[in-house]
Protein backbone atom coordinates (compact mmCIF):
# COMPACT_ATOMS: atom_id res chain seq x y z
CA MET A 1 0.00 0.00 0.00
CA THR A 2 1.29 3.45 -0.88
CA ASP A 3 1.87 5.97 1.86
CA PRO A 4 -0.94 8.47 2.51
CA VAL A 5 -0.66 11.90 0.94
CA PRO A 6 -1.96 15.27 2.16
CA PRO A 7 -5.74 15.25 1.50
CA VAL A 8 -5.55 18.59 -0.31
CA ILE A 9 -3.36 17.02 -3.01
CA ILE A 10 -6.02 14.53 -4.07
CA PHE A 11 -8.66 17.21 -4.53
CA VAL A 12 -6.46 19.80 -6.25
CA VAL A 13 -4.90 17.28 -8.65
CA GLY A 14 -8.38 15.89 -9.33
CA ALA A 15 -9.61 19.40 -10.12
CA LEU A 16 -6.78 19.96 -12.59
CA LEU A 17 -7.64 16.72 -14.40
CA VAL A 18 -11.37 17.46 -14.74
CA PRO A 19 -11.15 19.18 -18.16
CA PHE A 20 -9.35 16.17 -19.62
CA ILE A 21 -11.95 13.57 -18.59
CA LYS A 22 -14.73 13.21 -21.13
CA GLY A 23 -18.05 11.44 -21.53
CA ARG A 24 -19.47 8.91 -19.13
CA TRP A 25 -16.16 8.59 -17.29
CA LYS A 26 -16.38 12.13 -15.93
CA SER A 27 -19.10 11.32 -13.39
CA ALA A 28 -17.20 8.29 -12.13
CA PHE A 29 -14.00 10.29 -11.92
CA LEU A 30 -15.63 13.11 -9.96
CA LEU A 31 -17.21 10.72 -7.46
CA ALA A 32 -13.96 8.79 -7.08
CA ILE A 33 -12.05 11.84 -5.83
CA PRO A 34 -13.70 12.11 -2.37
CA VAL A 35 -13.86 8.31 -2.10
CA VAL A 36 -10.12 7.98 -2.70
CA GLY A 37 -9.57 10.90 -0.36
CA PHE A 38 -11.62 9.25 2.39
CA ILE A 39 -9.67 5.99 2.06
CA ASN A 40 -6.44 7.97 2.17
CA LEU A 41 -7.62 9.76 5.32
CA ILE A 42 -8.46 6.50 7.08
CA ASN A 43 -4.87 5.37 6.59
CA ILE A 44 -3.37 8.51 8.13
CA GLY A 45 -2.43 7.94 11.76
CA GLU A 46 -2.61 10.62 14.42
CA GLY A 47 0.51 12.70 14.78
CA THR A 48 2.56 15.11 12.67
CA HIS A 49 3.08 14.40 8.98
CA TRP A 50 4.48 16.10 5.87
CA VAL A 51 6.83 18.58 7.54
CA VAL A 52 8.69 20.89 5.17
CA GLY A 53 11.51 23.24 6.09
CA PHE A 54 11.06 26.83 4.92
CA LEU A 55 13.67 29.42 5.86
CA ASP A 56 14.02 28.92 9.62
CA TYR A 57 10.52 27.52 10.09
CA ARG A 58 8.84 24.12 9.89
CA LEU A 59 5.69 24.04 7.77
CA VAL A 60 3.38 21.25 8.91
CA PHE A 61 0.84 20.07 6.35
CA GLY A 62 -0.43 17.16 8.42
CA ARG A 63 -1.24 17.86 12.07
CA VAL A 64 -3.65 14.96 12.59
CA ASP A 65 -5.64 14.62 15.80
CA ARG A 66 -9.25 13.94 16.77
CA LEU A 67 -10.38 17.49 16.04
CA SER A 68 -8.90 17.68 12.56
CA LEU A 69 -9.95 14.11 11.74
CA LEU A 70 -13.59 14.78 12.61
CA PHE A 71 -13.70 17.77 10.28
CA GLY A 72 -11.74 15.81 7.69
CA TYR A 73 -14.27 12.98 7.67
CA ILE A 74 -17.30 15.23 7.29
CA PHE A 75 -15.59 17.34 4.62
CA HIS A 76 -15.02 14.20 2.54
CA ILE A 77 -18.59 13.01 3.10
CA ILE A 78 -20.17 16.30 2.10
CA SER A 79 -17.85 16.57 -0.90
CA PHE A 80 -19.14 13.23 -2.16
CA ILE A 81 -22.75 14.29 -1.56
CA ALA A 82 -22.25 17.67 -3.28
CA ILE A 83 -20.52 16.10 -6.28
CA LEU A 84 -23.26 13.47 -6.60
CA TYR A 85 -25.87 16.23 -6.47
CA SER A 86 -24.06 18.18 -9.21
CA LEU A 87 -23.51 15.40 -11.76
CA HIS A 88 -25.87 17.09 -14.22
CA VAL A 89 -23.59 20.15 -14.38
CA LYS A 90 -21.59 20.37 -17.61
CA ASP A 91 -19.58 23.41 -16.58
CA ASN A 92 -16.01 22.34 -15.77
CA LEU A 93 -15.46 25.60 -13.90
CA GLN A 94 -18.00 24.66 -11.24
CA HIS A 95 -16.54 21.19 -10.74
CA MET A 96 -12.99 22.49 -10.56
CA ALA A 97 -13.88 25.32 -8.18
CA GLY A 98 -15.81 22.95 -5.92
CA LEU A 99 -12.93 20.48 -5.73
CA VAL A 100 -10.28 23.13 -5.05
CA TYR A 101 -12.60 24.68 -2.47
CA ALA A 102 -13.03 21.35 -0.67
CA GLY A 103 -9.32 20.62 -0.92
CA SER A 104 -8.46 24.04 0.52
CA ALA A 105 -10.75 23.38 3.48
CA LEU A 106 -8.97 20.08 4.09
CA GLY A 107 -5.58 21.74 3.77
CA ALA A 108 -6.58 24.34 6.36
CA ILE A 109 -7.82 21.92 9.00
CA PHE A 110 -4.74 19.73 8.77
CA ALA A 111 -2.29 22.65 8.75
CA GLY A 112 -0.10 22.67 11.83
CA ASP A 113 1.41 26.11 11.32
CA LEU A 114 -0.02 29.56 10.77
CA PHE A 115 1.68 30.20 7.42
CA SER A 116 0.35 27.13 5.62
CA PHE A 117 -3.03 27.65 7.29
CA PHE A 118 -3.14 31.17 5.86
CA VAL A 119 -2.35 29.93 2.35
CA PHE A 120 -5.23 27.45 2.42
CA TRP A 121 -7.48 30.05 4.04
CA GLU A 122 -6.93 32.34 1.05
CA MET A 123 -7.40 29.46 -1.38
CA LEU A 124 -10.83 29.00 0.19
CA THR A 125 -11.75 32.56 -0.71
CA VAL A 126 -10.47 32.49 -4.28
CA SER A 127 -12.01 29.14 -5.21
CA SER A 128 -15.38 29.88 -3.61
CA ILE A 129 -15.81 33.09 -5.61
CA PHE A 130 -16.08 31.08 -8.82
CA LEU A 131 -19.02 29.13 -7.39
CA ILE A 132 -20.82 32.47 -7.14
CA TRP A 133 -19.70 33.91 -10.47
CA ALA A 134 -20.50 30.66 -12.28
CA ARG A 135 -24.19 31.55 -12.16
CA ARG A 136 -23.33 34.29 -14.67
CA THR A 137 -25.95 36.85 -13.67
CA ASN A 138 -25.41 40.50 -12.86
CA ALA A 139 -26.52 39.88 -9.27
CA ALA A 140 -24.02 37.02 -8.92
CA LEU A 141 -21.23 39.11 -10.43
CA GLY A 142 -21.85 41.96 -8.00
CA ALA A 143 -22.21 39.64 -5.01
CA GLY A 144 -18.98 37.89 -5.96
CA PHE A 145 -17.01 41.13 -6.08
CA ARG A 146 -18.41 42.24 -2.72
CA TYR A 147 -17.56 38.80 -1.31
CA LEU A 148 -14.01 39.16 -2.65
CA LEU A 149 -13.52 42.62 -1.14
CA VAL A 150 -14.75 41.57 2.30
CA HIS A 151 -12.64 38.43 2.41
CA ALA A 152 -9.60 40.25 1.08
CA ALA A 153 -9.91 42.61 4.03
CA GLY A 154 -10.34 39.67 6.38
CA GLY A 155 -7.32 37.94 4.88
CA LEU A 156 -5.17 41.03 5.35
CA CYS A 157 -6.33 41.24 8.95
CA LEU A 158 -5.41 37.60 9.52
CA LEU A 159 -2.03 38.03 7.85
CA ALA A 160 -1.27 41.11 9.94
CA GLY A 161 -2.16 39.16 13.06
CA ILE A 162 0.07 36.26 12.09
CA VAL A 163 3.03 38.56 11.38
CA LEU A 164 2.59 40.39 14.68
CA HIS A 165 2.21 37.12 16.59
CA VAL A 166 5.29 35.54 15.02
CA ASN A 167 7.29 38.71 15.64
CA GLN A 168 6.24 38.65 19.29
CA THR A 169 6.64 34.94 20.00
CA GLY A 170 8.95 33.61 17.29
CA SER A 171 6.61 30.67 16.76
CA ILE A 172 4.40 29.83 13.77
CA GLN A 173 2.75 26.87 15.48
CA PHE A 174 -1.02 26.82 15.03
CA GLY A 175 -2.44 25.76 18.38
CA TYR A 176 -4.02 27.48 21.33
CA LEU A 177 -3.40 31.22 21.05
CA GLY A 178 -5.83 33.01 23.34
CA LEU A 179 -6.16 36.78 23.33
CA ASN A 180 -2.61 37.43 24.50
CA GLY A 181 -1.43 40.24 22.30
CA LEU A 182 -2.33 42.57 19.45
CA GLY A 183 -1.55 39.91 16.87
CA THR A 184 -3.98 37.43 18.37
CA TYR A 185 -6.74 40.04 18.34
CA PHE A 186 -6.22 40.51 14.60
CA ILE A 187 -6.28 36.72 14.12
CA PHE A 188 -9.41 36.48 16.26
CA PHE A 189 -11.13 39.13 14.13
CA GLY A 190 -10.05 37.43 10.90
CA PHE A 191 -11.57 34.15 12.03
CA GLY A 192 -14.70 35.97 13.12
CA LEU A 193 -15.29 37.47 9.70
CA ASN A 194 -15.41 34.03 8.10
CA CYS A 195 -17.69 32.88 10.92
CA ALA A 196 -20.11 35.67 9.91
CA TRP A 197 -20.16 37.35 13.29
CA PRO A 198 -22.79 40.07 13.83
CA ILE A 199 -22.12 43.15 11.65
CA LEU A 200 -19.53 41.08 9.74
CA HIS A 201 -22.17 38.72 8.34
CA THR A 202 -23.58 40.53 5.31
CA TRP A 203 -21.19 38.90 2.82
CA LEU A 204 -22.84 35.54 3.52
CA THR A 205 -26.47 36.54 3.09
CA ASP A 206 -25.53 38.62 0.05
CA ALA A 207 -23.47 36.02 -1.84
CA TYR A 208 -24.73 32.55 -0.98
CA PRO A 209 -28.24 32.98 -2.43
CA GLU A 210 -26.71 34.29 -5.67
CA ALA A 211 -24.44 31.27 -6.18
CA THR A 212 -25.25 28.42 -8.51
CA ILE A 213 -27.69 25.75 -7.38
CA THR A 214 -24.86 23.31 -6.72
CA GLY A 215 -22.42 25.97 -5.53
CA THR A 216 -24.49 26.72 -2.44
CA ILE A 217 -24.04 23.11 -1.28
CA PHE A 218 -20.27 23.57 -1.19
CA LEU A 219 -20.50 27.10 0.21
CA SER A 220 -22.73 26.06 3.10
CA ALA A 221 -20.20 23.44 4.19
CA PHE A 222 -16.72 24.89 4.16
CA THR A 223 -15.98 28.58 4.80
CA THR A 224 -17.83 29.01 8.08
CA LYS A 225 -16.91 25.52 9.33
CA VAL A 226 -13.20 26.04 8.74
CA ALA A 227 -13.55 29.24 10.77
CA VAL A 228 -15.35 27.31 13.52
CA TYR A 229 -12.51 24.78 13.49
CA ALA A 230 -9.97 27.61 13.75
CA LEU A 231 -11.75 29.12 16.75
CA ALA A 232 -11.95 25.72 18.44
CA ARG A 233 -8.24 25.21 17.82
CA ALA A 234 -6.96 28.66 18.80
CA PHE A 235 -9.51 30.29 21.11
CA PRO A 236 -11.45 27.70 23.16
CA GLY A 237 -12.83 29.12 26.39
CA THR A 238 -12.63 32.75 25.21
CA GLU A 239 -15.53 34.36 27.05
CA ALA A 240 -16.25 36.95 24.37
CA LEU A 241 -17.29 34.09 22.09
CA ILE A 242 -20.14 33.17 24.42
CA TRP A 243 -21.95 36.44 23.83
CA ILE A 244 -20.94 36.70 20.19
CA GLY A 245 -22.34 33.23 19.57
CA ALA A 246 -25.51 33.92 21.54
CA ILE A 247 -26.19 37.07 19.51
CA MET A 248 -25.52 35.11 16.31
CA THR A 249 -28.19 32.60 17.24
CA GLY A 250 -30.78 35.33 17.77
CA PHE A 251 -30.53 38.22 15.34
CA PRO A 252 -30.79 36.26 12.04
CA ILE A 253 -34.21 34.97 13.07
CA PHE A 254 -35.80 38.39 12.65
CA TYR A 255 -34.48 38.65 9.10
CA ALA A 256 -35.34 35.07 8.20
CA VAL A 257 -39.01 35.30 9.15
CA ILE A 258 -39.63 38.23 6.77
CA GLU A 259 -37.42 37.05 3.90
CA ASN A 260 -39.14 35.75 0.76
CA ASP A 261 -36.14 34.16 -0.99
CA LEU A 262 -35.98 30.70 0.60
CA ARG A 263 -32.28 30.26 -0.10
CA ARG A 264 -31.61 33.56 1.67
CA VAL A 265 -33.71 32.29 4.59
CA LEU A 266 -31.31 29.34 4.75
CA ALA A 267 -28.34 31.72 4.62
CA TYR A 268 -29.64 33.52 7.72
CA SER A 269 -30.29 30.14 9.28
CA LEU A 270 -26.67 29.18 8.60
CA ILE A 271 -25.49 32.13 10.69
CA ASN A 272 -27.92 31.11 13.43
CA GLN A 273 -26.53 27.58 13.59
CA VAL A 274 -22.90 28.73 13.53
CA GLY A 275 -23.83 30.84 16.55
CA PHE A 276 -24.48 27.70 18.59
CA MET A 277 -21.00 26.45 17.64
CA VAL A 278 -19.29 29.74 18.51
CA CYS A 279 -21.12 29.92 21.83
CA GLY A 280 -20.08 26.36 22.70
CA ILE A 281 -16.44 27.11 21.89
CA GLY A 282 -16.62 30.17 24.12
CA ILE A 283 -18.05 28.20 27.05
CA GLY A 284 -14.98 26.04 26.67
CA THR A 285 -15.86 22.98 28.77
CA ALA A 286 -15.36 19.51 27.33
CA LEU A 287 -19.12 19.10 26.89
CA ALA A 288 -19.44 22.49 25.18
CA ILE A 289 -16.51 21.96 22.80
CA ASN A 290 -17.72 18.48 21.90
CA GLY A 291 -21.21 19.85 21.36
CA ALA A 292 -19.94 22.68 19.15
CA VAL A 293 -17.85 20.37 16.99
CA CYS A 294 -20.64 17.79 16.83
CA HIS A 295 -23.07 20.52 15.79
CA ALA A 296 -20.69 21.61 13.03
CA PHE A 297 -20.65 18.01 11.78
CA ASN A 298 -24.44 17.75 11.88
CA ASP A 299 -25.10 21.20 10.47
CA ILE A 300 -23.04 20.46 7.39
CA LEU A 301 -25.38 17.55 6.66
CA PHE A 302 -28.80 19.01 7.40
CA LYS A 303 -28.01 22.45 6.00
CA ALA A 304 -26.79 20.86 2.79
CA LEU A 305 -29.98 18.78 2.75
CA LEU A 306 -32.13 21.90 2.99
CA PHE A 307 -30.11 23.74 0.35
CA MET A 308 -30.33 20.68 -1.91
CA SER A 309 -34.11 20.48 -1.56
CA MET A 310 -34.47 24.17 -2.38
CA GLY A 311 -31.99 23.74 -5.22
CA ALA A 312 -34.07 20.90 -6.65
CA ILE A 313 -37.12 23.16 -6.63
CA MET A 314 -35.16 25.95 -8.28
CA TYR A 315 -33.79 23.49 -10.86
CA ARG A 316 -37.27 22.28 -11.81
CA THR A 317 -39.24 25.53 -11.55
CA GLY A 318 -36.72 28.34 -11.95
CA LYS A 319 -38.27 30.00 -8.87
CA ILE A 320 -37.22 30.24 -5.23
CA ASN A 321 -39.40 32.94 -3.67
CA GLY A 322 -41.85 31.47 -1.20
CA THR A 323 -44.77 33.46 -2.61
CA ASP A 324 -44.19 31.92 -6.05
CA LEU A 325 -44.21 28.34 -4.80
CA GLY A 326 -46.65 26.03 -3.07
CA GLY A 327 -48.39 22.74 -3.71
CA LEU A 328 -45.20 21.07 -4.91
CA TYR A 329 -45.66 18.04 -2.65
CA LYS A 330 -48.01 16.69 -5.32
CA THR A 331 -45.31 16.21 -7.93
CA MET A 332 -42.10 16.35 -5.86
CA PRO A 333 -42.98 14.08 -2.91
CA LEU A 334 -39.49 12.70 -2.30
CA THR A 335 -37.93 16.15 -2.30
CA CYS A 336 -40.65 17.17 0.15
CA VAL A 337 -39.84 14.26 2.47
CA PHE A 338 -36.13 15.01 2.40
CA CYS A 339 -36.81 18.69 3.10
CA MET A 340 -38.92 17.69 6.10
CA VAL A 341 -36.04 15.56 7.43
CA GLY A 342 -33.71 18.54 7.11
CA ALA A 343 -36.29 20.79 8.78
CA ALA A 344 -36.70 18.35 11.68
CA SER A 345 -32.93 18.04 12.09
CA ILE A 346 -32.24 21.77 12.16
CA SER A 347 -35.19 22.24 14.54
CA ALA A 348 -33.59 19.71 16.92
CA PHE A 349 -36.48 17.26 16.95
CA PRO A 350 -35.76 14.14 19.04
CA LEU A 351 -34.33 11.28 16.96
CA PHE A 352 -32.75 13.73 14.52
CA SER A 353 -29.12 14.85 14.50
CA GLY A 354 -29.64 18.45 15.58
CA PHE A 355 -31.22 17.32 18.84
CA VAL A 356 -28.03 15.53 19.88
CA SER A 357 -25.55 18.34 19.32
CA LYS A 358 -27.71 21.34 20.18
CA SER A 359 -28.64 19.73 23.50
CA MET A 360 -24.97 19.37 24.38
CA VAL A 361 -24.31 23.08 23.91
CA MET A 362 -27.42 24.10 25.85
CA ASP A 363 -26.63 21.64 28.66
CA ALA A 364 -23.13 23.10 28.87
CA ALA A 365 -24.62 26.59 29.23
CA ALA A 366 -27.00 25.37 31.92
CA GLY A 367 -24.23 23.50 33.70
CA GLY A 368 -22.15 26.67 33.77
CA HIS A 369 -25.06 28.58 35.37
CA MET A 370 -25.32 30.85 32.33
CA ARG A 371 -29.05 31.41 32.58
CA ILE A 372 -29.28 34.37 30.23
CA ILE A 373 -27.26 32.55 27.58
CA TRP A 374 -29.42 29.45 28.02
CA PHE A 375 -32.61 31.48 27.51
CA ILE A 376 -31.16 33.15 24.41
CA LEU A 377 -30.30 29.75 22.97
CA LEU A 378 -33.77 28.49 23.84
CA PHE A 379 -35.36 31.48 22.10
CA ALA A 380 -33.12 30.93 19.09
CA SER A 381 -34.12 27.27 18.94
CA ALA A 382 -37.78 28.28 18.83
CA GLY A 383 -37.00 30.77 16.09
CA VAL A 384 -35.25 28.10 14.05
CA PHE A 385 -38.34 25.91 14.25
CA HIS A 386 -40.43 28.82 12.97
CA HIS A 387 -38.36 29.87 9.96
CA ALA A 388 -36.64 26.62 8.98
CA GLY A 389 -38.86 23.95 10.47
CA ILE A 390 -42.19 25.45 9.38
CA LYS A 391 -41.76 28.36 6.96
CA ILE A 392 -39.53 26.72 4.36
CA PRO A 393 -41.45 23.42 3.98
CA TYR A 394 -44.81 25.18 4.18
CA PHE A 395 -44.18 27.82 1.53
CA ALA A 396 -42.34 25.44 -0.77
CA PHE A 397 -44.67 22.46 -0.61
CA PHE A 398 -47.92 23.07 1.30
CA SER A 399 -49.11 26.67 0.93
CA HIS A 400 -51.47 27.87 -1.81
CA ASP A 401 -51.41 25.79 -4.96
CA SER A 402 -49.11 27.64 -7.34
CA GLY A 403 -50.43 25.64 -10.27
CA MET A 404 -46.94 24.39 -11.12
CA ARG A 405 -46.54 20.66 -11.72
CA PRO A 406 -42.78 20.15 -12.06
CA LYS A 407 -41.16 16.75 -12.33
CA GLU A 408 -39.53 15.16 -9.32
CA ALA A 409 -35.84 15.98 -8.89
CA PRO A 410 -33.37 13.96 -11.00
CA ILE A 411 -32.28 10.65 -9.53
CA HIS A 412 -28.75 11.79 -8.68
CA MET A 413 -30.15 14.74 -6.71
CA LEU A 414 -32.53 12.42 -4.87
CA LEU A 415 -29.67 10.05 -4.04
CA ALA A 416 -27.58 12.92 -2.65
CA MET A 417 -30.50 14.16 -0.56
CA GLY A 418 -31.22 10.61 0.56
CA ILE A 419 -27.68 10.09 1.86
CA ALA A 420 -27.76 13.35 3.82
CA ALA A 421 -31.24 12.53 5.19
CA PHE A 422 -30.19 9.02 6.21
CA LEU A 423 -27.13 10.30 8.07
CA SER A 424 -29.18 12.99 9.82
CA VAL A 425 -31.59 10.36 11.12
CA PHE A 426 -28.88 7.78 11.85
CA ILE A 427 -26.93 10.22 14.03
CA GLY A 428 -30.10 11.21 15.87
CA VAL A 429 -31.16 7.64 16.56
CA PHE A 430 -27.83 6.02 17.37
């Protein structure tokens, strides 16, 4: 057996080969990339791998532990699901951007030093922009440029923080940092921008709904979750995160309940769910950290499921505003069922994945005697049920009969939704 390679290599090399694979083999090739990557990941033992000397520093491309492995597994799983969902796409640009985007996320979570982490962090930004621009509308073009400007500013902030931190400490190791100097504050802020903290969140709700149907599946999985990973790695137990996360869980609800574009509703919901993760990281106990990371794992699945169900509707009808839809359960029953599974999971119904992880974060808040935080999280959970558990399925499938009778989603889309739905239920039950 050959030695394992850095996971990012498999995805980036695969992306470069996409234009040269033609015909029926392209689908098999695309699906094989995350499968091969997953097998490669299984064979990587915990520890430090792929260390490269650079000037007087050691660049570590394989810091493998339980935290990075958990994110690595779910990133491979969601990559397979997203690629399966997008098999109808003929645009090589979308496939290549999605693969580089996923590979960059994997490179970031396995990076053991701040320099290599920064490189993959910036690769995330560049590759994800093409998933927005690939829709080729004026709205997507404008949203992509605004996305680029915001993340360029965030990247400069992160780079400034890294330079200041290295100058102060002499170390480029990417581990626990804490708020111990000016450099770490810049790093903290840079991570926060990609987490879509309050006031810093508008790039997400602006750009994600303008991306391609398949692009939103990738976008919902990687940028914010890599930022959550970075906070869990560098700033666990930072008290400021408790309140930042709590506010994140609450304020998007007010926007989501009045929004008509159902994909934008899900974008606000994404911020809400990341808030639970940020709050858990801030609480900092073992239960809270485990709950936050577990919720990141689960959210990737059920949020992708919801975006896929809305994408299937958009693919068949060309519409996504709630007031234009309704009555679609009659001709898209399987998509409706899968959407309901996603809605139940994000609403934290018992026997669904969201119940497991969200309960851990809320129990950690209660155990730490954080009553106000617990009530905010409880309110936010009720708000999630309203806008994601009720509003989205109701307006899409059960409200007034729109008169549209679209076909059911293509089989590959149904299979992708089915895998995500099965995992959401499996995690909740077992």
